[in-house]
Amino acid sequence: AYTANPTPHYKMAYNVVPGVKDSWSIKYNLLWQKILRLDGPFPWAKVVPAEVAYYKVKRNAFGTPLDPRHTYIKTDWLSWAAAMADDDETFHELFDPIFHFANTTVDRNPFTDLYNTVSGRQTWTSFIARPVIGGIFAKMLV
């Protein structure tokens, strides 16, 4: 469901989400519509620019959270969202916080694909060294 309040974006849910004033979520799977050259189901030129601009507004020091219910992000999904950007500057605004996280976190584990975008800490110890981390190369596909 589209809303223009507070700025244009598509909601996380049609219904009210308890405790969430501003319903939104990263629509990371839209990238595959572009990569696979699908004509729909969503109008790319209308949906993606608004979404990507909104992700920048919601960004924390270590990236944009998945949605407003928590502050964590999946590294692969944020990489996919960054790859949807129309220009390199916007791509880097969304992607560079991942680099910042990897280079400044105090957690000394293999690269995690789930971390806190505010603290820069690994969220759970089980999300390390998984194949999904290859998602950081999504930009190479577009």
N, C-alpha and C. Protein backbone atom coordinates (compact mmCIF):
# COMPACT_ATOMS: atom_id res chain seq x y z
N ALA A 1 0.85 -1.18 0.00
CA ALA A 1 0.00 0.00 0.00
C ALA A 1 0.89 1.23 0.00
N TYR A 2 0.64 2.12 -0.92
CA TYR A 2 1.42 3.34 -1.06
C TYR A 2 0.95 4.39 -0.07
N THR A 3 1.89 5.14 0.46
CA THR A 3 1.56 6.29 1.30
C THR A 3 2.55 7.42 1.01
N ALA A 4 2.09 8.63 1.09
CA ALA A 4 2.96 9.80 0.88
C ALA A 4 3.38 10.40 2.22
N ASN A 5 2.96 9.77 3.32
CA ASN A 5 3.23 10.32 4.63
C ASN A 5 4.15 9.41 5.43
N PRO A 6 5.27 9.81 5.96
CA PRO A 6 5.81 11.16 5.97
C PRO A 6 6.49 11.54 4.64
N THR A 7 7.02 10.58 3.92
CA THR A 7 7.52 10.79 2.56
C THR A 7 7.08 9.59 1.74
N PRO A 8 7.04 9.71 0.42
CA PRO A 8 6.52 8.62 -0.41
C PRO A 8 7.26 7.29 -0.21
N HIS A 9 6.48 6.25 0.04
CA HIS A 9 7.01 4.89 0.16
C HIS A 9 5.85 3.90 0.20
N TYR A 10 6.19 2.64 0.15
CA TYR A 10 5.18 1.58 0.23
C TYR A 10 5.25 0.95 1.61
N LYS A 11 4.12 0.75 2.21
CA LYS A 11 4.04 0.25 3.58
C LYS A 11 4.50 -1.21 3.69
N MET A 12 4.82 -1.59 4.91
CA MET A 12 5.18 -2.96 5.22
C MET A 12 3.93 -3.85 5.19
N ALA A 13 2.80 -3.28 5.60
CA ALA A 13 1.56 -4.06 5.69
C ALA A 13 0.38 -3.15 5.41
N TYR A 14 -0.69 -3.72 4.91
CA TYR A 14 -1.91 -2.95 4.69
C TYR A 14 -2.55 -2.55 6.00
N ASN A 15 -2.49 -3.45 6.96
CA ASN A 15 -3.11 -3.21 8.26
C ASN A 15 -2.15 -2.51 9.19
N VAL A 16 -2.67 -1.95 10.23
CA VAL A 16 -1.84 -1.30 11.24
C VAL A 16 -0.96 -2.34 11.92
N VAL A 17 0.31 -2.02 12.07
CA VAL A 17 1.25 -2.89 12.78
C VAL A 17 1.37 -2.34 14.20
N PRO A 18 0.99 -3.13 15.20
CA PRO A 18 1.02 -2.63 16.59
C PRO A 18 2.40 -2.08 16.96
N GLY A 19 2.39 -0.87 17.51
CA GLY A 19 3.63 -0.24 17.96
C GLY A 19 4.45 0.41 16.86
N VAL A 20 3.96 0.41 15.63
CA VAL A 20 4.71 0.97 14.51
C VAL A 20 3.92 2.13 13.91
N LYS A 21 4.47 3.34 14.02
CA LYS A 21 3.79 4.52 13.48
C LYS A 21 4.02 4.65 11.97
N ASP A 22 5.21 4.30 11.53
CA ASP A 22 5.59 4.48 10.13
C ASP A 22 5.91 3.12 9.52
N SER A 23 4.93 2.52 8.89
CA SER A 23 5.07 1.18 8.33
C SER A 23 5.87 1.21 7.03
N TRP A 24 6.98 0.48 6.98
CA TRP A 24 7.82 0.39 5.79
C TRP A 24 8.69 -0.86 5.90
N SER A 25 9.27 -1.27 4.82
CA SER A 25 10.22 -2.38 4.84
C SER A 25 11.07 -2.31 3.57
N ILE A 26 12.24 -2.91 3.63
CA ILE A 26 13.10 -2.95 2.46
C ILE A 26 12.54 -3.99 1.49
N LYS A 27 12.25 -3.56 0.29
CA LYS A 27 11.69 -4.45 -0.74
C LYS A 27 12.84 -5.02 -1.58
N TYR A 28 13.72 -5.75 -0.95
CA TYR A 28 14.94 -6.24 -1.57
C TYR A 28 14.72 -7.15 -2.76
N ASN A 29 13.63 -7.90 -2.78
CA ASN A 29 13.39 -8.83 -3.89
C ASN A 29 13.01 -8.16 -5.20
N LEU A 30 12.74 -6.85 -5.17
CA LEU A 30 12.48 -6.13 -6.41
C LEU A 30 13.68 -6.18 -7.35
N LEU A 31 14.87 -6.34 -6.80
CA LEU A 31 16.07 -6.40 -7.64
C LEU A 31 15.96 -7.49 -8.68
N TRP A 32 15.37 -8.61 -8.32
CA TRP A 32 15.30 -9.74 -9.25
C TRP A 32 14.39 -9.46 -10.43
N GLN A 33 13.42 -8.57 -10.25
CA GLN A 33 12.60 -8.16 -11.38
C GLN A 33 13.47 -7.49 -12.44
N LYS A 34 14.43 -6.69 -12.00
CA LYS A 34 15.33 -6.01 -12.94
C LYS A 34 16.35 -6.98 -13.53
N ILE A 35 16.96 -7.78 -12.69
CA ILE A 35 17.99 -8.72 -13.17
C ILE A 35 17.41 -9.70 -14.18
N LEU A 36 16.21 -10.18 -13.93
CA LEU A 36 15.57 -11.15 -14.83
C LEU A 36 14.82 -10.48 -15.97
N ARG A 37 14.89 -9.15 -16.02
CA ARG A 37 14.24 -8.36 -17.08
C ARG A 37 12.74 -8.67 -17.20
N LEU A 38 12.09 -8.72 -16.04
CA LEU A 38 10.66 -8.98 -16.01
C LEU A 38 9.89 -7.68 -16.20
N ASP A 39 8.82 -7.73 -16.92
CA ASP A 39 7.95 -6.59 -17.12
C ASP A 39 6.85 -6.65 -16.06
N GLY A 40 7.21 -6.32 -14.85
CA GLY A 40 6.28 -6.41 -13.73
C GLY A 40 6.70 -7.52 -12.79
N PRO A 41 6.00 -7.69 -11.75
CA PRO A 41 4.64 -7.23 -11.49
C PRO A 41 4.54 -5.78 -11.00
N PHE A 42 5.67 -5.15 -10.68
CA PHE A 42 5.62 -3.79 -10.16
C PHE A 42 6.21 -2.81 -11.17
N PRO A 43 5.64 -1.61 -11.28
CA PRO A 43 6.21 -0.62 -12.20
C PRO A 43 7.52 -0.06 -11.63
N TRP A 44 8.63 -0.57 -12.13
CA TRP A 44 9.96 -0.24 -11.61
C TRP A 44 10.16 1.26 -11.45
N ALA A 45 9.86 2.03 -12.50
CA ALA A 45 10.13 3.47 -12.51
C ALA A 45 9.31 4.23 -11.46
N LYS A 46 8.22 3.65 -11.02
CA LYS A 46 7.40 4.31 -10.00
C LYS A 46 7.77 3.84 -8.59
N VAL A 47 7.95 2.55 -8.42
CA VAL A 47 8.15 1.98 -7.09
C VAL A 47 9.58 2.14 -6.58
N VAL A 48 10.55 1.75 -7.37
CA VAL A 48 11.92 1.65 -6.88
C VAL A 48 12.54 3.00 -6.50
N PRO A 49 12.44 4.05 -7.32
CA PRO A 49 13.04 5.32 -6.89
C PRO A 49 12.49 5.84 -5.55
N ALA A 50 11.18 5.69 -5.35
CA ALA A 50 10.59 6.13 -4.08
C ALA A 50 11.10 5.28 -2.92
N GLU A 51 11.18 3.98 -3.13
CA GLU A 51 11.65 3.09 -2.08
C GLU A 51 13.12 3.36 -1.72
N VAL A 52 13.96 3.45 -2.72
CA VAL A 52 15.39 3.66 -2.48
C VAL A 52 15.61 5.00 -1.76
N ALA A 53 14.90 6.03 -2.17
CA ALA A 53 15.01 7.33 -1.49
C ALA A 53 14.58 7.22 -0.03
N TYR A 54 13.55 6.42 0.23
CA TYR A 54 13.07 6.25 1.59
C TYR A 54 14.07 5.47 2.45
N TYR A 55 14.74 4.49 1.86
CA TYR A 55 15.74 3.72 2.61
C TYR A 55 16.87 4.63 3.09
N LYS A 56 17.22 5.62 2.29
CA LYS A 56 18.27 6.56 2.68
C LYS A 56 17.85 7.36 3.91
N VAL A 57 16.58 7.73 3.97
CA VAL A 57 16.05 8.49 5.11
C VAL A 57 16.10 7.67 6.39
N LYS A 58 15.90 6.37 6.28
CA LYS A 58 15.83 5.48 7.44
C LYS A 58 17.19 4.90 7.84
N ARG A 59 18.24 5.29 7.16
CA ARG A 59 19.58 4.72 7.37
C ARG A 59 20.15 5.10 8.74
N ASN A 60 20.80 4.13 9.37
CA ASN A 60 21.55 4.34 10.60
C ASN A 60 23.04 4.31 10.26
N ALA A 61 23.90 4.41 11.24
CA ALA A 61 25.35 4.45 11.01
C ALA A 61 25.86 3.23 10.24
N PHE A 62 25.25 2.07 10.48
CA PHE A 62 25.73 0.83 9.86
C PHE A 62 24.74 0.26 8.85
N GLY A 63 23.84 1.09 8.35
CA GLY A 63 22.91 0.64 7.31
C GLY A 63 21.46 0.90 7.66
N THR A 64 20.60 0.56 6.72
CA THR A 64 19.16 0.72 6.88
C THR A 64 18.57 -0.57 7.45
N PRO A 65 17.81 -0.48 8.53
CA PRO A 65 17.18 -1.69 9.07
C PRO A 65 16.19 -2.32 8.08
N LEU A 66 15.87 -3.57 8.28
CA LEU A 66 14.90 -4.25 7.42
C LEU A 66 13.52 -3.59 7.47
N ASP A 67 13.11 -3.18 8.67
CA ASP A 67 11.81 -2.53 8.86
C ASP A 67 11.82 -1.87 10.24
N PRO A 68 10.77 -1.15 10.60
CA PRO A 68 10.79 -0.37 11.84
C PRO A 68 10.62 -1.17 13.14
N ARG A 69 10.43 -2.46 13.04
CA ARG A 69 10.22 -3.26 14.26
C ARG A 69 11.51 -3.55 15.01
N HIS A 70 12.66 -3.32 14.38
CA HIS A 70 13.96 -3.63 14.99
C HIS A 70 15.04 -2.85 14.26
N THR A 71 16.28 -2.97 14.67
CA THR A 71 17.36 -2.21 14.04
C THR A 71 18.36 -3.09 13.31
N TYR A 72 18.03 -4.34 13.06
CA TYR A 72 19.00 -5.18 12.36
C TYR A 72 18.75 -5.23 10.86
N ILE A 73 19.77 -5.68 10.14
CA ILE A 73 19.71 -5.80 8.68
C ILE A 73 20.39 -7.09 8.26
N LYS A 74 19.94 -7.63 7.15
CA LYS A 74 20.62 -8.75 6.51
C LYS A 74 21.55 -8.15 5.47
N THR A 75 22.81 -8.46 5.56
CA THR A 75 23.83 -7.90 4.67
C THR A 75 23.48 -8.13 3.20
N ASP A 76 23.05 -9.32 2.87
CA ASP A 76 22.72 -9.62 1.47
C ASP A 76 21.54 -8.79 0.99
N TRP A 77 20.52 -8.66 1.81
CA TRP A 77 19.33 -7.93 1.39
C TRP A 77 19.60 -6.44 1.25
N LEU A 78 20.42 -5.87 2.14
CA LEU A 78 20.77 -4.46 1.99
C LEU A 78 21.60 -4.26 0.73
N SER A 79 22.45 -5.22 0.41
CA SER A 79 23.23 -5.15 -0.83
C SER A 79 22.31 -5.18 -2.04
N TRP A 80 21.29 -6.01 -1.99
CA TRP A 80 20.32 -6.08 -3.09
C TRP A 80 19.60 -4.74 -3.23
N ALA A 81 19.18 -4.16 -2.11
CA ALA A 81 18.48 -2.87 -2.15
C ALA A 81 19.40 -1.78 -2.70
N ALA A 82 20.66 -1.78 -2.30
CA ALA A 82 21.61 -0.79 -2.80
C ALA A 82 21.79 -0.94 -4.31
N ALA A 83 21.81 -2.17 -4.79
CA ALA A 83 21.99 -2.43 -6.23
C ALA A 83 20.80 -1.92 -7.05
N MET A 84 19.68 -1.64 -6.42
CA MET A 84 18.52 -1.11 -7.14
C MET A 84 18.67 0.38 -7.43
N ALA A 85 19.65 1.04 -6.83
CA ALA A 85 19.84 2.48 -7.02
C ALA A 85 20.16 2.80 -8.47
N ASP A 86 19.65 3.94 -8.92
CA ASP A 86 19.86 4.35 -10.31
C ASP A 86 21.24 4.96 -10.58
N ASP A 87 21.95 5.34 -9.51
CA ASP A 87 23.25 5.97 -9.71
C ASP A 87 24.24 5.48 -8.64
N ASP A 88 25.51 5.67 -8.92
CA ASP A 88 26.55 5.17 -8.01
C ASP A 88 26.54 5.89 -6.66
N GLU A 89 26.22 7.17 -6.65
CA GLU A 89 26.20 7.90 -5.38
C GLU A 89 25.17 7.31 -4.42
N THR A 90 23.98 7.06 -4.93
CA THR A 90 22.93 6.47 -4.10
C THR A 90 23.29 5.04 -3.69
N PHE A 91 23.86 4.29 -4.63
CA PHE A 91 24.33 2.94 -4.30
C PHE A 91 25.27 2.99 -3.10
N HIS A 92 26.25 3.88 -3.15
CA HIS A 92 27.23 3.96 -2.06
C HIS A 92 26.61 4.45 -0.75
N GLU A 93 25.61 5.31 -0.84
CA GLU A 93 24.94 5.76 0.39
C GLU A 93 24.30 4.59 1.13
N LEU A 94 23.81 3.62 0.38
CA LEU A 94 23.18 2.45 1.00
C LEU A 94 24.18 1.33 1.28
N PHE A 95 25.18 1.18 0.43
CA PHE A 95 26.10 0.05 0.56
C PHE A 95 27.28 0.33 1.48
N ASP A 96 27.81 1.54 1.47
CA ASP A 96 29.01 1.84 2.25
C ASP A 96 28.87 1.58 3.76
N PRO A 97 27.68 1.71 4.35
CA PRO A 97 27.56 1.34 5.77
C PRO A 97 27.90 -0.14 6.05
N ILE A 98 27.73 -1.01 5.06
CA ILE A 98 28.13 -2.41 5.23
C ILE A 98 29.65 -2.48 5.38
N PHE A 99 30.35 -1.75 4.52
CA PHE A 99 31.81 -1.68 4.60
C PHE A 99 32.24 -1.11 5.95
N HIS A 100 31.55 -0.05 6.37
CA HIS A 100 31.84 0.58 7.67
C HIS A 100 31.66 -0.44 8.80
N PHE A 101 30.57 -1.20 8.75
CA PHE A 101 30.33 -2.25 9.76
C PHE A 101 31.47 -3.26 9.77
N ALA A 102 31.80 -3.80 8.60
CA ALA A 102 32.82 -4.86 8.51
C ALA A 102 34.18 -4.39 9.02
N ASN A 103 34.46 -3.12 8.88
CA ASN A 103 35.76 -2.60 9.28
C ASN A 103 35.81 -2.04 10.69
N THR A 104 34.67 -1.87 11.34
CA THR A 104 34.70 -1.27 12.67
C THR A 104 34.05 -2.10 13.77
N THR A 105 33.33 -3.17 13.42
CA THR A 105 32.68 -3.96 14.46
C THR A 105 33.72 -4.57 15.40
N VAL A 106 33.33 -4.68 16.65
CA VAL A 106 34.23 -5.30 17.62
C VAL A 106 34.08 -6.82 17.62
N ASP A 107 33.07 -7.32 16.93
CA ASP A 107 32.85 -8.77 16.85
C ASP A 107 33.90 -9.38 15.93
N ARG A 108 34.61 -10.35 16.42
CA ARG A 108 35.69 -10.97 15.65
C ARG A 108 35.27 -12.36 15.20
N ASN A 109 34.34 -12.38 14.27
CA ASN A 109 33.82 -13.62 13.70
C ASN A 109 33.90 -13.50 12.18
N PRO A 110 33.73 -14.60 11.46
CA PRO A 110 33.60 -14.48 10.01
C PRO A 110 32.44 -13.54 9.67
N PHE A 111 32.49 -12.98 8.49
CA PHE A 111 31.51 -11.99 8.05
C PHE A 111 30.08 -12.48 8.31
N THR A 112 29.33 -11.68 9.05
CA THR A 112 27.95 -12.02 9.38
C THR A 112 26.99 -11.46 8.35
N ASP A 113 25.87 -12.08 8.19
CA ASP A 113 24.84 -11.53 7.32
C ASP A 113 23.66 -10.99 8.11
N LEU A 114 23.82 -10.82 9.42
CA LEU A 114 22.77 -10.22 10.25
C LEU A 114 23.43 -9.43 11.37
N TYR A 115 23.22 -8.11 11.34
CA TYR A 115 23.85 -7.28 12.37
C TYR A 115 22.98 -6.07 12.69
N ASN A 116 23.31 -5.41 13.80
CA ASN A 116 22.57 -4.26 14.28
C ASN A 116 23.08 -3.00 13.59
N THR A 117 22.17 -2.24 12.97
CA THR A 117 22.56 -1.05 12.21
C THR A 117 22.87 0.16 13.09
N VAL A 118 22.56 0.08 14.37
CA VAL A 118 22.86 1.17 15.29
C VAL A 118 24.17 0.91 16.02
N SER A 119 24.33 -0.29 16.57
CA SER A 119 25.51 -0.61 17.38
C SER A 119 26.67 -1.16 16.56
N GLY A 120 26.38 -1.69 15.37
CA GLY A 120 27.44 -2.33 14.59
C GLY A 120 27.88 -3.65 15.19
N ARG A 121 27.00 -4.28 15.90
CA ARG A 121 27.30 -5.56 16.54
C ARG A 121 26.57 -6.69 15.81
N GLN A 122 27.22 -7.84 15.80
CA GLN A 122 26.59 -9.03 15.23
C GLN A 122 25.35 -9.35 16.05
N THR A 123 24.25 -9.68 15.37
CA THR A 123 22.99 -9.90 16.07
C THR A 123 22.91 -11.27 16.72
N TRP A 124 23.24 -12.32 15.98
CA TRP A 124 23.25 -13.67 16.51
C TRP A 124 24.51 -14.37 16.03
N THR A 125 25.03 -15.27 16.83
CA THR A 125 26.28 -15.94 16.45
C THR A 125 26.10 -16.99 15.37
N SER A 126 24.86 -17.31 15.03
CA SER A 126 24.65 -18.36 14.03
C SER A 126 24.62 -17.83 12.60
N PHE A 127 24.65 -16.54 12.40
CA PHE A 127 24.59 -15.96 11.06
C PHE A 127 25.98 -15.56 10.58
N ILE A 128 26.93 -16.50 10.58
CA ILE A 128 28.29 -16.18 10.17
C ILE A 128 28.76 -17.12 9.06
N ALA A 129 29.56 -16.55 8.17
CA ALA A 129 30.20 -17.32 7.09
C ALA A 129 29.21 -18.16 6.29
N ARG A 130 28.04 -17.59 6.00
CA ARG A 130 27.03 -18.31 5.23
C ARG A 130 27.14 -17.91 3.76
N PRO A 131 26.73 -18.78 2.85
CA PRO A 131 26.82 -18.46 1.42
C PRO A 131 26.06 -17.21 1.00
N VAL A 132 25.03 -16.83 1.75
CA VAL A 132 24.24 -15.66 1.35
C VAL A 132 25.07 -14.38 1.34
N ILE A 133 26.22 -14.39 1.97
CA ILE A 133 27.06 -13.20 2.00
C ILE A 133 27.51 -12.81 0.58
N GLY A 134 27.41 -13.76 -0.34
CA GLY A 134 27.70 -13.46 -1.75
C GLY A 134 26.78 -12.39 -2.30
N GLY A 135 25.69 -12.09 -1.61
CA GLY A 135 24.79 -11.04 -2.03
C GLY A 135 25.45 -9.68 -2.13
N ILE A 136 26.61 -9.50 -1.47
CA ILE A 136 27.29 -8.21 -1.54
C ILE A 136 27.75 -7.91 -2.97
N PHE A 137 27.75 -8.90 -3.84
CA PHE A 137 28.16 -8.70 -5.22
C PHE A 137 26.97 -8.42 -6.15
N ALA A 138 25.80 -8.14 -5.61
CA ALA A 138 24.60 -7.93 -6.42
C ALA A 138 24.77 -6.83 -7.46
N LYS A 139 25.49 -5.80 -7.12
CA LYS A 139 25.69 -4.67 -8.06
C LYS A 139 26.31 -5.15 -9.37
N MET A 140 27.10 -6.20 -9.32
CA MET A 140 27.75 -6.71 -10.52
C MET A 140 26.75 -7.32 -11.49
N LEU A 141 25.55 -7.62 -11.03
CA LEU A 141 24.54 -8.26 -11.87
C LEU A 141 23.68 -7.28 -12.65
N VAL A 142 23.72 -6.01 -12.28
CA VAL A 142 22.87 -5.01 -12.94
C VAL A 142 23.67 -4.09 -13.85
